[in-house]
Amino acid sequence: MKKQALLLKHWNEALENESWYPPFADALADITAEQARWKPEQSSVNSIWESVVHLLWYKERLLQRIKGKPDTRIHSNDETFVVRGSTEDDWQQTVTRLFRVHRELAQLLKNATAPELDNPPAGPDSDVPLDAQYFTLTVHDAYHTGQIMFIRKLLKTWPDHRSFAE
C-alpha cells in the first residue's frame, strides 16, 4: 500500500471506520452536553468536551497551515482544552465542526501530490512534512479517543465488553 493510501486509511479509521480501536464517531455517539462536561471529582482528567476541542484545535491548525495561514498563537497546550459554551447546541456544534474539519482534511489528503506530502505545508509556521503531520494527528486521535472511552466507562455510557470489526 502506498504511503498516501495508508495515511488516508488511518485518517478515515480515526473518524468512523473502526479497525484496531473504535473511531471517535463511535466514542462521541449519543453523548449529551452534560456528559461531555463531566469530570471525576478532584481529578485533573480532561472532560470529553475538553478533549474534543483539543482535537479540533490541532486539526484546525493543520488546515490553516495547508491553506498557508499562520498558526494561532498559544502559550501552552492547556489553552487548547478550553471549552467555549455549555449548552446542548454548543456541544453539538463542536462535534459537527470536528467532523467537518476532519473530513475536509481527508479530502485535502486524498488530493495531495507526492511532493506536497513530502514537504511542509506552505504556511509560515511549519517545518514538518505534511505526511508526518497527518500521521501524528491520527495517533493523537487514537490517544484521545481512548481517554474519551475511559470517561464514558466511568459514566457507564460505554459497554464493559464489546465486539469490534477486524
N, C-alpha and C. Protein backbone atom coordinates (compact mmCIF):
# COMPACT_ATOMS: atom_id res chain seq x y z
N MET A 1 0.85 -1.17 0.00
CA MET A 1 0.00 0.00 0.00
C MET A 1 0.89 1.24 0.00
N LYS A 2 0.57 2.20 -0.82
CA LYS A 2 1.35 3.43 -0.90
C LYS A 2 1.08 4.30 0.32
N LYS A 3 2.07 5.15 0.61
CA LYS A 3 2.02 6.00 1.79
C LYS A 3 0.73 6.81 1.87
N GLN A 4 0.35 7.45 0.79
CA GLN A 4 -0.84 8.30 0.80
C GLN A 4 -2.09 7.48 1.09
N ALA A 5 -2.21 6.32 0.48
CA ALA A 5 -3.37 5.46 0.72
C ALA A 5 -3.40 4.98 2.17
N LEU A 6 -2.23 4.65 2.71
CA LEU A 6 -2.15 4.20 4.09
C LEU A 6 -2.54 5.33 5.05
N LEU A 7 -2.03 6.53 4.80
CA LEU A 7 -2.41 7.67 5.64
C LEU A 7 -3.91 7.92 5.59
N LEU A 8 -4.47 7.87 4.40
CA LEU A 8 -5.91 8.11 4.24
C LEU A 8 -6.73 7.02 4.94
N LYS A 9 -6.26 5.78 4.85
CA LYS A 9 -6.94 4.67 5.53
C LYS A 9 -6.99 4.94 7.03
N HIS A 10 -5.85 5.28 7.62
CA HIS A 10 -5.80 5.53 9.07
C HIS A 10 -6.56 6.80 9.45
N TRP A 11 -6.51 7.80 8.58
CA TRP A 11 -7.24 9.04 8.84
C TRP A 11 -8.75 8.75 8.92
N ASN A 12 -9.24 7.95 7.99
CA ASN A 12 -10.66 7.60 7.97
C ASN A 12 -11.03 6.67 9.12
N GLU A 13 -10.11 5.80 9.51
CA GLU A 13 -10.36 4.93 10.66
C GLU A 13 -10.49 5.75 11.94
N ALA A 14 -9.73 6.80 12.06
CA ALA A 14 -9.80 7.64 13.26
C ALA A 14 -11.19 8.24 13.42
N LEU A 15 -11.83 8.60 12.32
CA LEU A 15 -13.15 9.23 12.38
C LEU A 15 -14.29 8.23 12.49
N GLU A 16 -14.37 7.29 11.55
CA GLU A 16 -15.60 6.49 11.51
C GLU A 16 -15.46 5.07 10.99
N ASN A 17 -14.29 4.63 10.65
CA ASN A 17 -14.11 3.27 10.14
C ASN A 17 -13.34 2.44 11.16
N GLU A 18 -14.06 1.73 12.01
CA GLU A 18 -13.41 1.00 13.09
C GLU A 18 -12.42 -0.03 12.56
N SER A 19 -11.27 -0.07 13.22
CA SER A 19 -10.24 -1.05 12.92
C SER A 19 -9.72 -1.59 14.25
N TRP A 20 -8.52 -1.20 14.65
CA TRP A 20 -7.94 -1.68 15.89
C TRP A 20 -8.54 -1.01 17.12
N TYR A 21 -9.13 0.13 16.94
CA TYR A 21 -9.75 0.85 18.05
C TYR A 21 -11.01 1.54 17.52
N PRO A 22 -11.96 1.80 18.40
CA PRO A 22 -13.18 2.47 17.93
C PRO A 22 -12.87 3.88 17.42
N PRO A 23 -13.52 4.31 16.38
CA PRO A 23 -13.30 5.66 15.87
C PRO A 23 -13.99 6.68 16.78
N PHE A 24 -13.56 7.95 16.67
CA PHE A 24 -14.16 8.92 17.57
C PHE A 24 -15.61 9.19 17.25
N ALA A 25 -16.10 8.86 16.06
CA ALA A 25 -17.55 8.97 15.80
C ALA A 25 -18.32 8.06 16.76
N ASP A 26 -17.83 6.84 16.97
CA ASP A 26 -18.47 5.93 17.91
C ASP A 26 -18.28 6.41 19.35
N ALA A 27 -17.08 6.86 19.67
CA ALA A 27 -16.78 7.31 21.03
C ALA A 27 -17.64 8.50 21.43
N LEU A 28 -18.05 9.32 20.46
CA LEU A 28 -18.84 10.52 20.76
C LEU A 28 -20.34 10.33 20.55
N ALA A 29 -20.74 9.18 20.05
CA ALA A 29 -22.16 8.95 19.76
C ALA A 29 -23.01 9.02 21.02
N ASP A 30 -24.12 9.73 20.92
CA ASP A 30 -25.13 9.78 21.97
C ASP A 30 -24.64 10.41 23.28
N ILE A 31 -23.60 11.22 23.22
CA ILE A 31 -23.11 11.92 24.41
C ILE A 31 -23.85 13.25 24.52
N THR A 32 -24.37 13.53 25.70
CA THR A 32 -25.04 14.81 25.94
C THR A 32 -24.01 15.85 26.36
N ALA A 33 -24.41 17.10 26.34
CA ALA A 33 -23.52 18.17 26.79
C ALA A 33 -23.14 17.97 28.26
N GLU A 34 -24.10 17.55 29.06
CA GLU A 34 -23.81 17.31 30.48
C GLU A 34 -22.75 16.21 30.64
N GLN A 35 -22.90 15.13 29.90
CA GLN A 35 -21.91 14.05 29.96
C GLN A 35 -20.57 14.53 29.41
N ALA A 36 -20.60 15.33 28.36
CA ALA A 36 -19.36 15.82 27.75
C ALA A 36 -18.59 16.74 28.70
N ARG A 37 -19.29 17.43 29.59
CA ARG A 37 -18.64 18.34 30.56
C ARG A 37 -18.12 17.61 31.79
N TRP A 38 -18.63 16.41 32.06
CA TRP A 38 -18.34 15.71 33.32
C TRP A 38 -16.86 15.35 33.46
N LYS A 39 -16.38 15.48 34.72
CA LYS A 39 -15.03 15.02 35.09
C LYS A 39 -15.14 14.31 36.44
N PRO A 40 -14.27 13.34 36.68
CA PRO A 40 -14.25 12.74 38.01
C PRO A 40 -13.89 13.83 39.04
N GLU A 41 -14.49 13.74 40.22
CA GLU A 41 -14.21 14.73 41.26
C GLU A 41 -12.74 14.71 41.64
N GLN A 42 -12.22 15.89 41.93
CA GLN A 42 -10.83 16.06 42.37
C GLN A 42 -9.86 15.35 41.44
N SER A 43 -10.06 15.55 40.15
CA SER A 43 -9.22 14.89 39.16
C SER A 43 -8.72 15.90 38.14
N SER A 44 -7.55 15.66 37.63
CA SER A 44 -7.02 16.53 36.57
C SER A 44 -7.32 15.97 35.18
N VAL A 45 -8.17 14.95 35.13
CA VAL A 45 -8.56 14.34 33.86
C VAL A 45 -9.37 15.35 33.05
N ASN A 46 -9.15 15.39 31.76
CA ASN A 46 -9.94 16.27 30.89
C ASN A 46 -11.32 15.68 30.67
N SER A 47 -12.29 16.56 30.51
CA SER A 47 -13.63 16.11 30.15
C SER A 47 -13.64 15.68 28.69
N ILE A 48 -14.70 15.02 28.28
CA ILE A 48 -14.85 14.64 26.87
C ILE A 48 -14.86 15.90 26.02
N TRP A 49 -15.58 16.91 26.44
CA TRP A 49 -15.68 18.15 25.67
C TRP A 49 -14.31 18.81 25.54
N GLU A 50 -13.55 18.84 26.63
CA GLU A 50 -12.21 19.42 26.57
C GLU A 50 -11.33 18.65 25.59
N SER A 51 -11.44 17.34 25.59
CA SER A 51 -10.65 16.54 24.64
C SER A 51 -11.07 16.82 23.21
N VAL A 52 -12.36 16.99 22.98
CA VAL A 52 -12.85 17.27 21.62
C VAL A 52 -12.35 18.62 21.13
N VAL A 53 -12.42 19.67 21.97
CA VAL A 53 -11.93 20.97 21.50
C VAL A 53 -10.42 20.94 21.28
N HIS A 54 -9.72 20.13 22.06
CA HIS A 54 -8.28 19.96 21.87
C HIS A 54 -7.99 19.29 20.52
N LEU A 55 -8.69 18.21 20.22
CA LEU A 55 -8.53 17.55 18.91
C LEU A 55 -8.85 18.52 17.79
N LEU A 56 -9.92 19.27 17.95
CA LEU A 56 -10.34 20.23 16.93
C LEU A 56 -9.30 21.32 16.73
N TRP A 57 -8.70 21.78 17.81
CA TRP A 57 -7.69 22.84 17.71
C TRP A 57 -6.54 22.39 16.80
N TYR A 58 -6.05 21.18 17.03
CA TYR A 58 -4.91 20.70 16.23
C TYR A 58 -5.30 20.41 14.79
N LYS A 59 -6.51 19.95 14.56
CA LYS A 59 -6.97 19.74 13.18
C LYS A 59 -7.12 21.08 12.46
N GLU A 60 -7.68 22.07 13.14
CA GLU A 60 -7.82 23.39 12.51
C GLU A 60 -6.46 24.02 12.26
N ARG A 61 -5.51 23.76 13.15
CA ARG A 61 -4.16 24.28 12.91
C ARG A 61 -3.57 23.69 11.64
N LEU A 62 -3.70 22.38 11.44
CA LEU A 62 -3.20 21.76 10.22
C LEU A 62 -3.91 22.33 9.00
N LEU A 63 -5.21 22.50 9.09
CA LEU A 63 -5.97 23.07 7.98
C LEU A 63 -5.47 24.47 7.64
N GLN A 64 -5.23 25.28 8.65
CA GLN A 64 -4.70 26.64 8.43
C GLN A 64 -3.33 26.57 7.76
N ARG A 65 -2.50 25.66 8.21
CA ARG A 65 -1.16 25.52 7.62
C ARG A 65 -1.25 25.15 6.15
N ILE A 66 -2.12 24.21 5.83
CA ILE A 66 -2.27 23.79 4.44
C ILE A 66 -2.75 24.96 3.58
N LYS A 67 -3.59 25.81 4.16
CA LYS A 67 -4.11 26.97 3.43
C LYS A 67 -3.13 28.15 3.43
N GLY A 68 -1.94 27.95 4.04
CA GLY A 68 -0.92 28.98 4.03
C GLY A 68 -1.13 30.09 5.04
N LYS A 69 -1.95 29.84 6.06
CA LYS A 69 -2.23 30.85 7.07
C LYS A 69 -1.39 30.59 8.31
N PRO A 70 -1.04 31.64 9.06
CA PRO A 70 -0.22 31.46 10.26
C PRO A 70 -0.99 30.74 11.37
N ASP A 71 -0.22 30.08 12.24
CA ASP A 71 -0.81 29.39 13.38
C ASP A 71 -1.41 30.39 14.36
N THR A 72 -2.46 29.96 15.06
CA THR A 72 -2.97 30.71 16.19
C THR A 72 -1.95 30.56 17.30
N ARG A 73 -1.55 31.67 17.89
CA ARG A 73 -0.53 31.63 18.94
C ARG A 73 -1.13 31.21 20.28
N ILE A 74 -0.46 30.29 20.93
CA ILE A 74 -0.85 29.88 22.28
C ILE A 74 0.40 29.87 23.14
N HIS A 75 0.20 30.01 24.45
CA HIS A 75 1.32 29.99 25.38
C HIS A 75 1.56 28.61 25.97
N SER A 76 0.51 27.79 25.97
CA SER A 76 0.67 26.43 26.48
C SER A 76 -0.39 25.54 25.87
N ASN A 77 -0.11 24.27 25.86
CA ASN A 77 -1.05 23.28 25.34
C ASN A 77 -2.38 23.31 26.11
N ASP A 78 -2.34 23.73 27.37
CA ASP A 78 -3.56 23.80 28.18
C ASP A 78 -4.62 24.68 27.53
N GLU A 79 -4.19 25.69 26.78
CA GLU A 79 -5.14 26.59 26.12
C GLU A 79 -5.98 25.87 25.06
N THR A 80 -5.50 24.75 24.56
CA THR A 80 -6.23 24.02 23.52
C THR A 80 -7.37 23.18 24.08
N PHE A 81 -7.49 23.12 25.40
CA PHE A 81 -8.55 22.35 26.05
C PHE A 81 -9.70 23.23 26.56
N VAL A 82 -9.66 24.52 26.27
CA VAL A 82 -10.66 25.45 26.81
C VAL A 82 -11.98 25.33 26.05
N VAL A 83 -13.04 25.05 26.78
CA VAL A 83 -14.38 24.90 26.20
C VAL A 83 -15.07 26.26 26.22
N ARG A 84 -15.63 26.62 25.09
CA ARG A 84 -16.43 27.84 24.99
C ARG A 84 -17.87 27.41 24.71
N GLY A 85 -18.71 27.64 25.67
CA GLY A 85 -20.10 27.21 25.54
C GLY A 85 -20.43 26.18 26.59
N SER A 86 -21.73 25.95 26.76
CA SER A 86 -22.15 24.98 27.78
C SER A 86 -23.46 24.28 27.43
N THR A 87 -24.11 24.71 26.39
CA THR A 87 -25.43 24.15 26.07
C THR A 87 -25.33 22.92 25.18
N GLU A 88 -26.44 22.24 25.06
CA GLU A 88 -26.51 21.09 24.17
C GLU A 88 -26.19 21.50 22.73
N ASP A 89 -26.71 22.65 22.33
CA ASP A 89 -26.45 23.15 20.98
C ASP A 89 -24.96 23.46 20.79
N ASP A 90 -24.32 24.05 21.80
CA ASP A 90 -22.88 24.33 21.74
C ASP A 90 -22.09 23.03 21.56
N TRP A 91 -22.48 22.01 22.32
CA TRP A 91 -21.81 20.71 22.24
C TRP A 91 -21.97 20.10 20.84
N GLN A 92 -23.19 20.09 20.34
CA GLN A 92 -23.43 19.50 19.02
C GLN A 92 -22.69 20.27 17.93
N GLN A 93 -22.62 21.58 18.05
CA GLN A 93 -21.87 22.38 17.08
C GLN A 93 -20.38 22.05 17.13
N THR A 94 -19.85 21.81 18.32
CA THR A 94 -18.44 21.46 18.46
C THR A 94 -18.16 20.12 17.78
N VAL A 95 -19.01 19.13 18.02
CA VAL A 95 -18.83 17.81 17.41
C VAL A 95 -18.96 17.91 15.89
N THR A 96 -19.96 18.64 15.43
CA THR A 96 -20.16 18.81 13.98
C THR A 96 -18.94 19.47 13.35
N ARG A 97 -18.41 20.46 14.02
CA ARG A 97 -17.22 21.14 13.50
C ARG A 97 -16.02 20.19 13.44
N LEU A 98 -15.84 19.37 14.47
CA LEU A 98 -14.76 18.39 14.48
C LEU A 98 -14.87 17.46 13.28
N PHE A 99 -16.06 16.95 13.03
CA PHE A 99 -16.27 16.04 11.90
C PHE A 99 -16.04 16.76 10.57
N ARG A 100 -16.54 17.98 10.45
CA ARG A 100 -16.39 18.74 9.20
C ARG A 100 -14.92 19.00 8.89
N VAL A 101 -14.16 19.45 9.88
CA VAL A 101 -12.74 19.74 9.66
C VAL A 101 -11.98 18.45 9.35
N HIS A 102 -12.30 17.37 10.06
CA HIS A 102 -11.63 16.10 9.79
C HIS A 102 -11.89 15.65 8.35
N ARG A 103 -13.13 15.77 7.91
CA ARG A 103 -13.47 15.37 6.53
C ARG A 103 -12.83 16.29 5.49
N GLU A 104 -12.75 17.57 5.79
CA GLU A 104 -12.08 18.49 4.87
C GLU A 104 -10.60 18.14 4.75
N LEU A 105 -9.98 17.81 5.87
CA LEU A 105 -8.58 17.38 5.83
C LEU A 105 -8.42 16.06 5.08
N ALA A 106 -9.39 15.17 5.20
CA ALA A 106 -9.35 13.90 4.45
C ALA A 106 -9.35 14.18 2.95
N GLN A 107 -10.19 15.09 2.52
CA GLN A 107 -10.25 15.42 1.09
C GLN A 107 -8.94 16.04 0.61
N LEU A 108 -8.37 16.90 1.43
CA LEU A 108 -7.08 17.51 1.06
C LEU A 108 -5.98 16.46 0.99
N LEU A 109 -6.00 15.50 1.92
CA LEU A 109 -5.03 14.41 1.90
C LEU A 109 -5.21 13.57 0.64
N LYS A 110 -6.44 13.26 0.33
CA LYS A 110 -6.73 12.44 -0.86
C LYS A 110 -6.21 13.11 -2.13
N ASN A 111 -6.31 14.43 -2.21
CA ASN A 111 -5.92 15.17 -3.41
C ASN A 111 -4.48 15.67 -3.40
N ALA A 112 -3.76 15.44 -2.32
CA ALA A 112 -2.38 15.94 -2.22
C ALA A 112 -1.46 15.20 -3.19
N THR A 113 -0.51 15.92 -3.72
CA THR A 113 0.51 15.31 -4.58
C THR A 113 1.64 14.76 -3.71
N ALA A 114 2.45 13.89 -4.28
CA ALA A 114 3.59 13.33 -3.54
C ALA A 114 4.52 14.43 -3.03
N PRO A 115 4.88 15.43 -3.86
CA PRO A 115 5.74 16.50 -3.33
C PRO A 115 5.08 17.28 -2.19
N GLU A 116 3.77 17.47 -2.26
CA GLU A 116 3.08 18.18 -1.16
C GLU A 116 3.16 17.37 0.13
N LEU A 117 3.02 16.06 0.03
CA LEU A 117 3.09 15.21 1.23
C LEU A 117 4.50 15.16 1.80
N ASP A 118 5.49 15.20 0.94
CA ASP A 118 6.88 15.06 1.37
C ASP A 118 7.48 16.34 1.94
N ASN A 119 6.77 17.45 1.82
CA ASN A 119 7.29 18.74 2.27
C ASN A 119 6.34 19.38 3.27
N PRO A 120 6.86 20.34 4.05
CA PRO A 120 5.97 21.07 4.95
C PRO A 120 4.94 21.87 4.15
N PRO A 121 3.76 22.11 4.75
CA PRO A 121 2.79 22.96 4.07
C PRO A 121 3.38 24.35 3.82
N ALA A 122 2.77 25.08 2.91
CA ALA A 122 3.30 26.39 2.51
C ALA A 122 3.21 27.44 3.61
N GLY A 123 2.44 27.18 4.64
CA GLY A 123 2.26 28.17 5.71
C GLY A 123 3.56 28.51 6.41
N PRO A 124 3.58 29.65 7.11
CA PRO A 124 4.82 30.14 7.71
C PRO A 124 5.25 29.43 8.99
N ASP A 125 4.43 28.59 9.55
CA ASP A 125 4.71 28.07 10.89
C ASP A 125 5.01 26.58 10.97
N SER A 126 5.42 25.99 9.89
CA SER A 126 5.66 24.55 9.96
C SER A 126 6.90 24.16 9.18
N ASP A 127 7.72 23.32 9.81
CA ASP A 127 8.87 22.76 9.11
C ASP A 127 8.79 21.23 9.08
N VAL A 128 7.62 20.70 9.43
CA VAL A 128 7.39 19.25 9.45
C VAL A 128 6.64 18.86 8.17
N PRO A 129 7.11 17.81 7.48
CA PRO A 129 6.41 17.39 6.26
C PRO A 129 4.93 17.11 6.51
N LEU A 130 4.13 17.38 5.52
CA LEU A 130 2.68 17.22 5.63
C LEU A 130 2.29 15.80 6.00
N ASP A 131 2.92 14.80 5.39
CA ASP A 131 2.56 13.41 5.72
C ASP A 131 2.80 13.11 7.19
N ALA A 132 3.87 13.63 7.75
CA ALA A 132 4.17 13.41 9.17
C ALA A 132 3.14 14.09 10.06
N GLN A 133 2.64 15.25 9.63
CA GLN A 133 1.63 15.94 10.42
C GLN A 133 0.32 15.15 10.44
N TYR A 134 -0.06 14.60 9.30
CA TYR A 134 -1.26 13.75 9.26
C TYR A 134 -1.07 12.51 10.14
N PHE A 135 0.09 11.87 10.02
CA PHE A 135 0.36 10.67 10.81
C PHE A 135 0.26 10.98 12.30
N THR A 136 0.90 12.07 12.72
CA THR A 136 0.88 12.45 14.13
C THR A 136 -0.55 12.68 14.62
N LEU A 137 -1.37 13.32 13.79
CA LEU A 137 -2.75 13.58 14.21
C LEU A 137 -3.58 12.30 14.29
N THR A 138 -3.29 11.29 13.48
CA THR A 138 -4.05 10.04 13.61
C THR A 138 -3.71 9.35 14.93
N VAL A 139 -2.44 9.38 15.31
CA VAL A 139 -2.04 8.80 16.60
C VAL A 139 -2.66 9.62 17.74
N HIS A 140 -2.64 10.93 17.60
CA HIS A 140 -3.24 11.84 18.57
C HIS A 140 -4.73 11.54 18.74
N ASP A 141 -5.42 11.32 17.63
CA ASP A 141 -6.85 10.97 17.68
C ASP A 141 -7.06 9.67 18.46
N ALA A 142 -6.25 8.66 18.18
CA ALA A 142 -6.39 7.37 18.86
C ALA A 142 -6.18 7.53 20.36
N TYR A 143 -5.17 8.29 20.74
CA TYR A 143 -4.87 8.51 22.15
C TYR A 143 -6.06 9.14 22.87
N HIS A 144 -6.58 10.23 22.31
CA HIS A 144 -7.68 10.93 22.98
C HIS A 144 -9.00 10.18 22.86
N THR A 145 -9.18 9.40 21.81
CA THR A 145 -10.37 8.56 21.72
C THR A 145 -10.37 7.55 22.87
N GLY A 146 -9.22 7.00 23.19
CA GLY A 146 -9.11 6.10 24.34
C GLY A 146 -9.48 6.80 25.64
N GLN A 147 -9.04 8.04 25.80
CA GLN A 147 -9.41 8.79 27.00
C GLN A 147 -10.92 9.02 27.07
N ILE A 148 -11.50 9.36 25.92
CA ILE A 148 -12.95 9.59 25.86
C ILE A 148 -13.70 8.31 26.25
N MET A 149 -13.25 7.18 25.74
CA MET A 149 -13.90 5.91 26.07
C MET A 149 -13.75 5.59 27.56
N PHE A 150 -12.61 5.93 28.14
CA PHE A 150 -12.40 5.72 29.57
C PHE A 150 -13.41 6.54 30.38
N ILE A 151 -13.56 7.81 30.02
CA ILE A 151 -14.55 8.67 30.71
C ILE A 151 -15.95 8.08 30.54
N ARG A 152 -16.25 7.62 29.33
CA ARG A 152 -17.58 7.03 29.10
C ARG A 152 -17.78 5.79 29.97
N LYS A 153 -16.73 5.01 30.17
CA LYS A 153 -16.86 3.84 31.06
C LYS A 153 -17.15 4.29 32.49
N LEU A 154 -16.48 5.37 32.92
CA LEU A 154 -16.76 5.89 34.26
C LEU A 154 -18.20 6.40 34.36
N LEU A 155 -18.70 6.95 33.27
CA LEU A 155 -20.09 7.44 33.23
C LEU A 155 -21.10 6.30 33.01
N LYS A 156 -20.59 5.11 32.75
CA LYS A 156 -21.42 3.94 32.45
C LYS A 156 -22.23 4.14 31.16
N THR A 157 -21.62 4.83 30.19
CA THR A 157 -22.25 5.03 28.88
C THR A 157 -21.47 4.32 27.77
N TRP A 158 -20.54 3.46 28.16
CA TRP A 158 -19.76 2.67 27.21
C TRP A 158 -19.76 1.25 27.73
N PRO A 159 -19.99 0.27 26.88
CA PRO A 159 -20.07 -1.11 27.37
C PRO A 159 -18.75 -1.60 27.96
N ASP A 160 -18.86 -2.45 28.97
CA ASP A 160 -17.66 -3.04 29.56
C ASP A 160 -16.95 -3.94 28.56
N HIS A 161 -17.73 -4.62 27.74
CA HIS A 161 -17.19 -5.52 26.72
C HIS A 161 -17.95 -5.27 25.43
N ARG A 162 -17.27 -5.31 24.34
CA ARG A 162 -17.94 -5.12 23.05
C ARG A 162 -17.16 -5.85 21.98
N SER A 163 -17.84 -6.20 20.92
CA SER A 163 -17.15 -6.81 19.78
C SER A 163 -16.70 -5.68 18.87
N PHE A 164 -15.75 -5.97 18.02
CA PHE A 164 -15.24 -4.95 17.12
C PHE A 164 -14.92 -5.55 15.77
N ALA A 165 -14.83 -4.68 14.80
CA ALA A 165 -14.50 -5.11 13.43
C ALA A 165 -13.02 -5.39 13.33
N GLU A 166 -12.66 -6.32 12.46
CA GLU A 166 -11.23 -6.57 12.22
C GLU A 166 -10.92 -6.34 10.77
